[in-house]
Amino acid sequence: MPDSSEPGPAPLVAVYLQRREDLKRYFSLRLGSAEAAEDLVQDIYFKIAGGVSGEILNPGAFLYRLGSNLMLDRIKQQRRAQQRDRGWAQARLVSLDGEAVADAPPADEAMASRQRLERMLEALEELSPACRRAFRLHKLDGLSHAETAAAMGVSKSTIEKHISAALKHLLKRLDR
């Protein structure tokens, strides 16, 4: 028998659990995908599990409204991503006999870029191991200064100094 001193699920979460399958069916029809509906219903749970402020007079209607709002947000995001991708493709691809082909740089530019990259990699090897690792984590792996500091077990200011030193060294070496 469960311990009666433990609180049960919040009323909204309880309604969610009762209507979860109905929500999945409802959004599956609207999205045309059972997988997308499952993701959306999971997002509804995350929103309500974090707590909802204010009084909710009709929890069932609230869940459907929340799901509809999340669905519309996703559709907007997908449209923006498609527009961005189309814009990128129009700017960087050319059509050759109806096929989209990347507009590659001329061979001499590609060779110059490769040589510059090789000089940069050589210059990176000249850095101290800590400075080189900080540069790679931040600039190549895309970690923030704070994330890089945490990964290396040092302070954020130490990372900032490493990055600054690495950039100065690279600029000096690549200007030769």
Protein backbone atom coordinates (compact mmCIF):
# COMPACT_ATOMS: atom_id res chain seq x y z
CA MET A 1 0.00 0.00 0.00
CA PRO A 2 1.48 3.41 -0.95
CA ASP A 3 2.52 5.84 1.73
CA SER A 4 -0.33 8.34 2.15
CA SER A 5 2.07 11.04 3.39
CA GLU A 6 3.60 11.41 -0.07
CA PRO A 7 1.74 13.90 -2.25
CA GLY A 8 0.23 12.57 -5.45
CA PRO A 9 0.87 14.12 -8.86
CA ALA A 10 -0.23 17.69 -9.32
CA PRO A 11 -3.83 17.91 -10.59
CA LEU A 12 -2.72 19.09 -14.05
CA VAL A 13 -0.20 16.26 -14.35
CA ALA A 14 -2.88 13.79 -13.27
CA VAL A 15 -5.20 15.06 -16.05
CA TYR A 16 -2.29 14.88 -18.48
CA LEU A 17 -1.62 11.25 -17.56
CA GLN A 18 -5.31 10.41 -18.03
CA ARG A 19 -5.49 12.08 -21.43
CA ARG A 20 -2.02 11.33 -22.78
CA GLU A 21 -3.19 8.83 -25.39
CA ASP A 22 -6.02 11.13 -26.51
CA LEU A 23 -3.53 13.99 -26.85
CA LYS A 24 -1.24 11.79 -28.96
CA ARG A 25 -4.09 10.80 -31.29
CA TYR A 26 -5.34 14.38 -31.58
CA PHE A 27 -1.93 15.83 -32.44
CA SER A 28 -0.97 12.88 -34.60
CA LEU A 29 -3.89 13.71 -36.91
CA ARG A 30 -2.96 17.38 -37.02
CA LEU A 31 0.75 16.84 -37.55
CA GLY A 32 0.45 13.83 -39.83
CA SER A 33 3.09 12.01 -37.81
CA ALA A 34 2.86 9.80 -34.75
CA GLU A 35 6.51 10.55 -33.91
CA ALA A 36 6.00 14.32 -34.07
CA ALA A 37 2.86 13.97 -31.93
CA GLU A 38 4.79 11.91 -29.36
CA ASP A 39 7.45 14.63 -29.16
CA LEU A 40 4.79 17.31 -28.80
CA VAL A 41 2.94 15.44 -26.04
CA GLN A 42 6.26 14.97 -24.25
CA ASP A 43 6.86 18.73 -24.52
CA ILE A 44 3.44 19.35 -22.97
CA TYR A 45 4.49 17.23 -20.00
CA PHE A 46 7.76 19.13 -19.58
CA LYS A 47 5.88 22.42 -19.60
CA ILE A 48 3.37 21.38 -16.96
CA ALA A 49 5.79 19.38 -14.81
CA GLY A 50 7.83 22.54 -14.34
CA GLY A 51 4.80 24.14 -12.78
CA VAL A 52 2.10 26.34 -14.22
CA SER A 53 1.17 29.60 -12.57
CA GLY A 54 -2.40 30.70 -12.15
CA GLU A 55 -5.65 28.87 -11.66
CA ILE A 56 -6.71 26.47 -14.40
CA LEU A 57 -10.45 26.05 -14.53
CA ASN A 58 -10.50 23.46 -17.32
CA PRO A 59 -7.28 21.38 -17.23
CA GLY A 60 -8.24 19.28 -20.28
CA ALA A 61 -8.82 22.33 -22.46
CA PHE A 62 -5.63 23.87 -21.11
CA LEU A 63 -3.60 20.82 -22.22
CA TYR A 64 -5.03 20.96 -25.75
CA ARG A 65 -4.44 24.73 -25.96
CA LEU A 66 -0.88 24.34 -24.68
CA GLY A 67 -0.26 21.56 -27.22
CA SER A 68 -1.74 23.66 -30.03
CA ASN A 69 0.50 26.59 -29.11
CA LEU A 70 3.55 24.34 -29.01
CA MET A 71 2.55 22.83 -32.36
CA LEU A 72 2.22 26.29 -33.94
CA ASP A 73 5.60 27.31 -32.53
CA ARG A 74 7.17 24.21 -34.10
CA ILE A 75 5.53 24.89 -37.45
CA LYS A 76 6.84 28.47 -37.39
CA GLN A 77 10.34 27.24 -36.52
CA GLN A 78 10.23 24.71 -39.35
CA ARG A 79 9.11 27.36 -41.83
CA ARG A 80 11.89 29.72 -40.74
CA ALA A 81 14.42 26.90 -41.08
CA GLN A 82 13.11 26.03 -44.55
CA GLN A 83 13.31 29.68 -45.64
CA ARG A 84 16.84 29.95 -44.25
CA ASP A 85 17.86 26.74 -46.04
CA ARG A 86 16.28 27.93 -49.30
CA GLY A 87 18.10 31.25 -49.00
CA TRP A 88 21.38 29.49 -48.34
CA ALA A 89 20.86 27.16 -51.29
CA GLN A 90 19.97 30.05 -53.62
CA ALA A 91 23.07 31.95 -52.57
CA ARG A 92 25.50 29.03 -52.82
CA LEU A 93 24.14 26.63 -55.40
CA VAL A 94 23.85 26.96 -59.14
CA SER A 95 21.65 24.94 -61.43
CA LEU A 96 23.32 22.83 -64.08
CA ASP A 97 20.91 20.90 -66.31
CA GLY A 98 18.26 21.15 -63.58
CA GLU A 99 20.57 19.79 -60.88
CA ALA A 100 21.67 21.93 -57.94
CA VAL A 101 25.46 22.07 -57.86
CA ALA A 102 27.65 23.76 -55.26
CA ASP A 103 29.29 26.89 -56.54
CA ALA A 104 32.85 25.83 -55.68
CA PRO A 105 35.65 28.37 -55.45
CA PRO A 106 38.27 28.46 -58.18
CA ALA A 107 41.13 25.98 -57.78
CA ASP A 108 43.72 28.66 -56.94
CA GLU A 109 41.53 30.02 -54.11
CA ALA A 110 40.96 26.51 -52.76
CA MET A 111 44.73 25.84 -52.83
CA ALA A 112 45.47 29.15 -51.06
CA SER A 113 42.89 28.30 -48.40
CA ARG A 114 44.44 24.87 -47.88
CA GLN A 115 47.90 26.40 -47.51
CA ARG A 116 46.59 28.97 -45.02
CA LEU A 117 44.93 26.16 -43.04
CA GLU A 118 48.20 24.20 -42.98
CA ARG A 119 50.06 27.29 -41.68
CA MET A 120 47.38 27.76 -39.05
CA LEU A 121 47.63 24.13 -37.90
CA GLU A 122 51.42 24.45 -37.71
CA ALA A 123 51.05 27.63 -35.65
CA LEU A 124 48.61 25.88 -33.32
CA GLU A 125 51.18 23.16 -32.68
CA GLU A 126 53.61 25.84 -31.49
CA LEU A 127 51.26 26.80 -28.63
CA SER A 128 51.50 25.31 -25.16
CA PRO A 129 49.29 22.23 -24.71
CA ALA A 130 46.88 24.08 -22.39
CA CYS A 131 46.60 27.07 -24.74
CA ARG A 132 46.11 24.79 -27.75
CA ARG A 133 43.43 22.74 -25.97
CA ALA A 134 41.56 25.86 -24.84
CA PHE A 135 41.63 27.23 -28.40
CA ARG A 136 40.37 23.98 -29.91
CA LEU A 137 37.57 23.54 -27.36
CA HIS A 138 36.39 27.13 -27.75
CA LYS A 139 36.96 27.94 -31.42
CA LEU A 140 36.68 24.54 -33.07
CA ASP A 141 34.31 22.61 -30.79
CA GLY A 142 32.19 25.70 -30.12
CA LEU A 143 32.23 25.62 -26.32
CA SER A 144 31.73 28.88 -24.44
CA HIS A 145 34.51 30.26 -22.26
CA ALA A 146 32.69 28.95 -19.17
CA GLU A 147 32.19 25.48 -20.71
CA THR A 148 35.84 25.37 -21.79
CA ALA A 149 36.95 26.39 -18.29
CA ALA A 150 34.81 23.64 -16.78
CA ALA A 151 36.14 21.05 -19.23
CA MET A 152 39.73 22.00 -18.45
CA GLY A 153 39.24 22.54 -14.72
CA VAL A 154 40.53 26.13 -14.77
CA SER A 155 39.02 29.58 -14.33
CA LYS A 156 37.19 31.44 -17.07
CA SER A 157 39.81 34.21 -16.99
CA THR A 158 42.53 31.63 -17.63
CA ILE A 159 40.61 30.46 -20.71
CA GLU A 160 40.23 34.06 -21.88
CA LYS A 161 44.01 34.55 -21.55
CA HIS A 162 44.71 31.32 -23.45
CA ILE A 163 42.33 32.27 -26.27
CA SER A 164 43.80 35.77 -26.51
CA ALA A 165 47.35 34.43 -26.59
CA ALA A 166 46.42 31.85 -29.23
CA LEU A 167 44.75 34.44 -31.45
CA LYS A 168 47.72 36.84 -31.18
CA HIS A 169 50.10 34.02 -32.06
CA LEU A 170 47.99 32.88 -35.02
CA LEU A 171 47.66 36.41 -36.39
CA LYS A 172 51.39 36.97 -36.09
CA ARG A 173 52.21 33.65 -37.80
CA LEU A 174 49.62 33.98 -40.57
CA ASP A 175 50.69 37.52 -41.48
CA ARG A 176 54.18 36.31 -42.48
